[in-house]
């Protein structure tokens, strides 16, 4: 899939994880979802609307290794984070 035909997948964290995003395991769950979507050529939006708490452990597990796994100049690497509390 090239960059002109790639779609954007929105992952609502309140649905995927809940209003409290705190555990490393939940972060890994999100990471696997994001990696799958990025590998398919999609852009991904992590939507934190409705989330009350995000811990560093969760966030690190969710997105920390994506920057080393997907090079910034790779057209398939498009990640957006919105409404992070």
N, C-alpha and C. Protein backbone atom coordinates (compact mmCIF):
# COMPACT_ATOMS: atom_id res chain seq x y z
N UNK A 1 0.85 -1.17 0.00
CA UNK A 1 0.00 0.00 0.00
C UNK A 1 0.89 1.23 0.00
N UNK A 2 0.70 2.12 -0.94
CA UNK A 2 1.54 3.31 -0.96
C UNK A 2 0.92 4.41 -0.13
N UNK A 3 1.70 5.47 0.09
CA UNK A 3 1.28 6.53 1.00
C UNK A 3 0.04 7.26 0.52
N UNK A 4 -0.26 7.21 -0.77
CA UNK A 4 -1.44 7.90 -1.27
C UNK A 4 -2.71 7.08 -1.08
N UNK A 5 -2.61 5.78 -0.91
CA UNK A 5 -3.79 4.94 -0.71
C UNK A 5 -3.93 4.46 0.72
N UNK A 6 -2.99 4.79 1.59
CA UNK A 6 -3.04 4.35 2.98
C UNK A 6 -4.20 5.03 3.69
N UNK A 7 -4.88 4.27 4.53
CA UNK A 7 -5.97 4.82 5.31
C UNK A 7 -5.47 5.09 6.73
N UNK A 8 -6.26 5.85 7.46
CA UNK A 8 -5.93 6.12 8.86
C UNK A 8 -6.85 5.29 9.75
N UNK A 9 -6.25 4.58 10.67
CA UNK A 9 -6.98 3.77 11.64
C UNK A 9 -6.94 4.51 12.97
N UNK A 10 -8.10 4.77 13.54
CA UNK A 10 -8.18 5.41 14.84
C UNK A 10 -8.39 4.36 15.91
N UNK A 11 -7.54 4.37 16.92
CA UNK A 11 -7.67 3.44 18.04
C UNK A 11 -8.08 4.22 19.28
N UNK A 12 -9.37 4.15 19.66
CA UNK A 12 -9.82 4.86 20.87
C UNK A 12 -9.36 4.10 22.12
N UNK A 13 -8.45 4.71 22.85
CA UNK A 13 -7.87 4.04 24.02
C UNK A 13 -8.91 3.71 25.07
N UNK A 14 -9.95 4.53 25.20
CA UNK A 14 -10.98 4.25 26.20
C UNK A 14 -11.72 2.96 25.87
N UNK A 15 -11.78 2.60 24.60
CA UNK A 15 -12.41 1.34 24.18
C UNK A 15 -11.42 0.19 24.23
N UNK A 16 -10.20 0.43 23.77
CA UNK A 16 -9.19 -0.63 23.70
C UNK A 16 -8.70 -1.02 25.08
N UNK A 17 -8.47 -0.02 25.95
CA UNK A 17 -7.88 -0.28 27.27
C UNK A 17 -8.82 0.10 28.40
N UNK A 18 -9.45 1.27 28.31
CA UNK A 18 -10.31 1.78 29.37
C UNK A 18 -9.90 3.19 29.73
N UNK A 19 -10.55 3.76 30.73
CA UNK A 19 -10.30 5.14 31.13
C UNK A 19 -8.98 5.30 31.89
N UNK A 20 -8.42 4.20 32.35
CA UNK A 20 -7.15 4.21 33.06
C UNK A 20 -6.15 3.37 32.26
N UNK A 21 -5.18 4.03 31.67
CA UNK A 21 -4.13 3.36 30.89
C UNK A 21 -2.88 3.33 31.75
N UNK A 22 -2.72 2.24 32.51
CA UNK A 22 -1.65 2.26 33.51
C UNK A 22 -0.67 1.10 33.45
N UNK A 23 -1.06 -0.04 32.89
CA UNK A 23 -0.17 -1.19 33.00
C UNK A 23 0.71 -1.37 31.76
N UNK A 24 1.85 -1.96 32.02
CA UNK A 24 2.79 -2.29 30.95
C UNK A 24 2.14 -3.27 29.96
N UNK A 25 1.39 -4.23 30.49
CA UNK A 25 0.74 -5.23 29.63
C UNK A 25 -0.29 -4.59 28.70
N UNK A 26 -1.05 -3.62 29.20
CA UNK A 26 -2.00 -2.91 28.33
C UNK A 26 -1.25 -2.12 27.27
N UNK A 27 -0.12 -1.54 27.63
CA UNK A 27 0.70 -0.82 26.66
C UNK A 27 1.20 -1.74 25.56
N UNK A 28 1.61 -2.95 25.94
CA UNK A 28 2.07 -3.93 24.95
C UNK A 28 0.93 -4.34 24.01
N UNK A 29 -0.27 -4.45 24.56
CA UNK A 29 -1.45 -4.77 23.74
C UNK A 29 -1.65 -3.69 22.68
N UNK A 30 -1.56 -2.44 23.08
CA UNK A 30 -1.70 -1.33 22.14
C UNK A 30 -0.56 -1.35 21.13
N UNK A 31 0.65 -1.61 21.60
CA UNK A 31 1.82 -1.66 20.72
C UNK A 31 1.63 -2.69 19.61
N UNK A 32 1.13 -3.86 19.97
CA UNK A 32 0.90 -4.91 18.96
C UNK A 32 -0.13 -4.46 17.93
N UNK A 33 -1.19 -3.81 18.38
CA UNK A 33 -2.20 -3.29 17.46
C UNK A 33 -1.61 -2.25 16.52
N UNK A 34 -0.85 -1.32 17.08
CA UNK A 34 -0.24 -0.24 16.28
C UNK A 34 0.74 -0.84 15.27
N UNK A 35 1.60 -1.73 15.73
CA UNK A 35 2.57 -2.33 14.81
C UNK A 35 1.88 -3.06 13.67
N UNK A 36 0.80 -3.77 13.97
CA UNK A 36 0.06 -4.48 12.94
C UNK A 36 -0.48 -3.50 11.89
N UNK A 37 -1.07 -2.41 12.35
CA UNK A 37 -1.63 -1.42 11.43
C UNK A 37 -0.53 -0.73 10.61
N UNK A 38 0.57 -0.38 11.25
CA UNK A 38 1.68 0.26 10.54
C UNK A 38 2.29 -0.69 9.51
N UNK A 39 2.42 -1.96 9.87
CA UNK A 39 2.97 -2.95 8.94
C UNK A 39 2.08 -3.13 7.71
N UNK A 40 0.80 -2.86 7.88
CA UNK A 40 -0.13 -2.94 6.76
C UNK A 40 -0.16 -1.66 5.93
N UNK A 41 0.62 -0.66 6.35
CA UNK A 41 0.72 0.58 5.60
C UNK A 41 -0.24 1.68 6.03
N UNK A 42 -0.99 1.44 7.10
CA UNK A 42 -1.95 2.43 7.57
C UNK A 42 -1.27 3.51 8.42
N UNK A 43 -1.88 4.65 8.48
CA UNK A 43 -1.56 5.65 9.50
C UNK A 43 -2.37 5.27 10.73
N UNK A 44 -1.88 5.60 11.91
CA UNK A 44 -2.58 5.25 13.14
C UNK A 44 -2.73 6.49 14.01
N UNK A 45 -3.93 6.68 14.52
CA UNK A 45 -4.19 7.73 15.50
C UNK A 45 -4.56 7.07 16.82
N UNK A 46 -3.78 7.34 17.85
CA UNK A 46 -4.12 6.89 19.20
C UNK A 46 -4.95 8.00 19.83
N UNK A 47 -6.23 7.74 20.05
CA UNK A 47 -7.16 8.73 20.56
C UNK A 47 -7.39 8.49 22.05
N UNK A 48 -6.94 9.43 22.86
CA UNK A 48 -7.06 9.31 24.31
C UNK A 48 -8.26 10.07 24.86
N UNK A 49 -9.20 10.46 24.00
CA UNK A 49 -10.41 11.13 24.46
C UNK A 49 -11.15 10.24 25.47
N UNK A 50 -11.47 10.79 26.63
CA UNK A 50 -12.17 10.04 27.67
C UNK A 50 -11.27 9.30 28.63
N UNK A 51 -9.97 9.28 28.36
CA UNK A 51 -9.02 8.62 29.25
C UNK A 51 -8.64 9.59 30.37
N UNK A 52 -8.67 9.10 31.59
CA UNK A 52 -8.39 9.96 32.74
C UNK A 52 -6.93 9.91 33.20
N UNK A 53 -6.26 8.78 32.96
CA UNK A 53 -4.89 8.62 33.44
C UNK A 53 -4.09 7.78 32.45
N UNK A 54 -2.87 8.26 32.16
CA UNK A 54 -1.90 7.50 31.36
C UNK A 54 -0.59 7.50 32.13
N UNK A 55 -0.08 6.32 32.46
CA UNK A 55 1.18 6.25 33.20
C UNK A 55 2.35 6.14 32.23
N UNK A 56 3.54 6.54 32.69
CA UNK A 56 4.73 6.39 31.85
C UNK A 56 4.96 4.94 31.43
N UNK A 57 4.68 3.99 32.31
CA UNK A 57 4.87 2.58 32.00
C UNK A 57 3.99 2.15 30.82
N UNK A 58 2.74 2.57 30.84
CA UNK A 58 1.83 2.26 29.74
C UNK A 58 2.31 2.89 28.44
N UNK A 59 2.59 4.19 28.50
CA UNK A 59 2.95 4.93 27.29
C UNK A 59 4.26 4.41 26.68
N UNK A 60 5.22 4.11 27.54
CA UNK A 60 6.49 3.58 27.06
C UNK A 60 6.29 2.23 26.36
N UNK A 61 5.49 1.37 26.95
CA UNK A 61 5.23 0.07 26.32
C UNK A 61 4.42 0.21 25.04
N UNK A 62 3.53 1.19 25.00
CA UNK A 62 2.65 1.36 23.84
C UNK A 62 3.39 1.92 22.63
N UNK A 63 4.24 2.93 22.85
CA UNK A 63 4.86 3.60 21.69
C UNK A 63 6.38 3.69 21.74
N UNK A 64 6.97 3.35 22.86
CA UNK A 64 8.41 3.55 23.04
C UNK A 64 9.30 2.94 21.98
N UNK A 65 9.05 1.69 21.62
CA UNK A 65 9.95 1.04 20.67
C UNK A 65 9.56 1.28 19.21
N UNK A 66 8.43 1.93 18.97
CA UNK A 66 8.01 2.15 17.58
C UNK A 66 9.00 3.01 16.81
N UNK A 67 9.62 3.96 17.50
CA UNK A 67 10.54 4.86 16.82
C UNK A 67 11.82 4.16 16.40
N UNK A 68 12.18 3.08 17.10
CA UNK A 68 13.35 2.32 16.67
C UNK A 68 12.97 1.22 15.68
N UNK A 69 11.75 0.72 15.79
CA UNK A 69 11.28 -0.33 14.89
C UNK A 69 10.96 0.22 13.50
N UNK A 70 10.31 1.39 13.47
CA UNK A 70 9.93 2.01 12.21
C UNK A 70 10.73 3.30 12.05
N UNK A 71 11.56 3.32 11.03
CA UNK A 71 12.38 4.51 10.81
C UNK A 71 11.48 5.68 10.42
N UNK A 72 11.86 6.88 10.87
CA UNK A 72 11.06 8.07 10.60
C UNK A 72 10.88 8.34 9.12
N UNK A 73 11.86 7.96 8.30
CA UNK A 73 11.74 8.24 6.88
C UNK A 73 10.96 7.15 6.14
N UNK A 74 10.51 6.13 6.85
CA UNK A 74 9.70 5.07 6.26
C UNK A 74 8.29 5.61 6.04
N UNK A 75 7.81 5.57 4.81
CA UNK A 75 6.50 6.15 4.50
C UNK A 75 5.36 5.43 5.22
N UNK A 76 5.59 4.21 5.67
CA UNK A 76 4.54 3.46 6.37
C UNK A 76 4.45 3.85 7.85
N UNK A 77 5.39 4.65 8.33
CA UNK A 77 5.37 5.01 9.75
C UNK A 77 4.68 6.36 9.93
N UNK A 78 3.43 6.30 10.29
CA UNK A 78 2.65 7.50 10.56
C UNK A 78 1.82 7.27 11.80
N UNK A 79 2.19 7.93 12.89
CA UNK A 79 1.51 7.77 14.16
C UNK A 79 1.17 9.13 14.72
N UNK A 80 -0.07 9.28 15.14
CA UNK A 80 -0.53 10.54 15.74
C UNK A 80 -1.18 10.22 17.07
N UNK A 81 -0.89 11.02 18.09
CA UNK A 81 -1.48 10.86 19.40
C UNK A 81 -2.32 12.12 19.67
N UNK A 82 -3.60 11.91 20.03
CA UNK A 82 -4.46 13.07 20.30
C UNK A 82 -5.11 12.94 21.66
N UNK A 83 -5.36 14.08 22.26
CA UNK A 83 -6.07 14.22 23.53
C UNK A 83 -5.43 13.43 24.68
N UNK A 84 -4.11 13.43 24.72
CA UNK A 84 -3.39 12.75 25.80
C UNK A 84 -3.57 13.58 27.08
N UNK A 85 -4.11 12.94 28.15
CA UNK A 85 -4.34 13.71 29.39
C UNK A 85 -3.04 14.11 30.07
